[in-house]
C-alpha atoms as a PDB file:
ATOM      1  CA  MET A   1      21.667  91.355 -50.349  1.00  0.00           C
ATOM      2  CA  ASN A   2      23.169  87.919 -49.498  1.00  0.00           C
ATOM      3  CA  GLU A   3      26.395  87.461 -51.413  1.00  0.00           C
ATOM      4  CA  GLY A   4      26.643  84.132 -53.251  1.00  0.00           C
ATOM      5  CA  LEU A   5      22.923  83.337 -53.209  1.00  0.00           C
ATOM      6  CA  PRO A   6      20.733  83.433 -56.326  1.00  0.00           C
ATOM      7  CA  PRO A   7      18.184  86.248 -56.647  1.00  0.00           C
ATOM      8  CA  GLY A   8      15.216  83.832 -56.689  1.00  0.00           C
ATOM      9  CA  PRO A   9      14.007  80.957 -54.519  1.00  0.00           C
ATOM     10  CA  VAL A  10      16.376  78.039 -53.923  1.00  0.00           C
ATOM     11  CA  CYS A  11      15.124  74.570 -54.986  1.00  0.00           C
ATOM     12  CA  MET A  12      11.974  75.867 -56.648  1.00  0.00           C
ATOM     13  CA  PRO A  13      10.484  73.100 -58.853  1.00  0.00           C
ATOM     14  CA  THR A  14      10.157  73.859 -62.538  1.00  0.00           C
ATOM     15  CA  LEU A  15       6.786  74.082 -64.263  1.00  0.00           C
ATOM     16  CA  ALA A  16       7.603  70.823 -66.085  1.00  0.00           C
ATOM     17  CA  SER A  17       8.156  69.075 -62.720  1.00  0.00           C
ATOM     18  CA  ILE A  18       4.830  70.273 -61.355  1.00  0.00           C
ATOM     19  CA  GLU A  19       2.998  69.247 -64.542  1.00  0.00           C
ATOM     20  CA  ALA A  20       4.632  65.789 -64.405  1.00  0.00           C
ATOM     21  CA  VAL A  21       3.238  65.261 -60.898  1.00  0.00           C
ATOM     22  CA  LEU A  22      -0.232  66.460 -61.864  1.00  0.00           C
ATOM     23  CA  LYS A  23      -0.350  64.441 -65.105  1.00  0.00           C
ATOM     24  CA  PRO A  24       1.835  61.326 -64.679  1.00  0.00           C
ATOM     25  CA  GLU A  25       2.609  59.136 -67.671  1.00  0.00           C
ATOM     26  CA  THR A  26       0.855  55.780 -67.981  1.00  0.00           C
ATOM     27  CA  HIS A  27       3.227  52.825 -68.310  1.00  0.00           C
ATOM     28  CA  ASN A  28       3.686  49.197 -67.242  1.00  0.00           C
ATOM     29  CA  PHE A  29       6.665  49.732 -64.935  1.00  0.00           C
ATOM     30  CA  HIS A  30       6.602  48.746 -61.261  1.00  0.00           C
ATOM     31  CA  LEU A  31       8.862  50.271 -58.627  1.00  0.00           C
ATOM     32  CA  PHE A  32       9.871  48.293 -55.559  1.00  0.00           C
ATOM     33  CA  LEU A  33      11.686  49.900 -52.655  1.00  0.00           C
ATOM     34  CA  CYS A  34      12.964  48.154 -49.561  1.00  0.00           C
ATOM     35  CA  THR A  35      14.879  49.211 -46.488  1.00  0.00           C
ATOM     36  CA  PRO A  36      18.419  47.974 -45.779  1.00  0.00           C
ATOM     37  CA  ARG A  37      16.973  45.606 -43.152  1.00  0.00           C
ATOM     38  CA  PHE A  38      14.293  44.388 -45.610  1.00  0.00           C
ATOM     39  CA  ASP A  39      11.633  44.888 -42.938  1.00  0.00           C
ATOM     40  CA  ARG A  40       9.100  46.708 -45.148  1.00  0.00           C
ATOM     41  CA  LEU A  41       8.210  47.366 -48.762  1.00  0.00           C
ATOM     42  CA  SER A  42       6.633  50.388 -50.412  1.00  0.00           C
END
């Protein structure tokens, strides 16, 4: 149909990815993210 494209959806998450979001691991890590201007933190 469209030459060069895969037969299935593009960028479809795997089952393992979906399960990881639904059942995240418990750990003691903290993630800090800041903008280049350092005007906010998430």
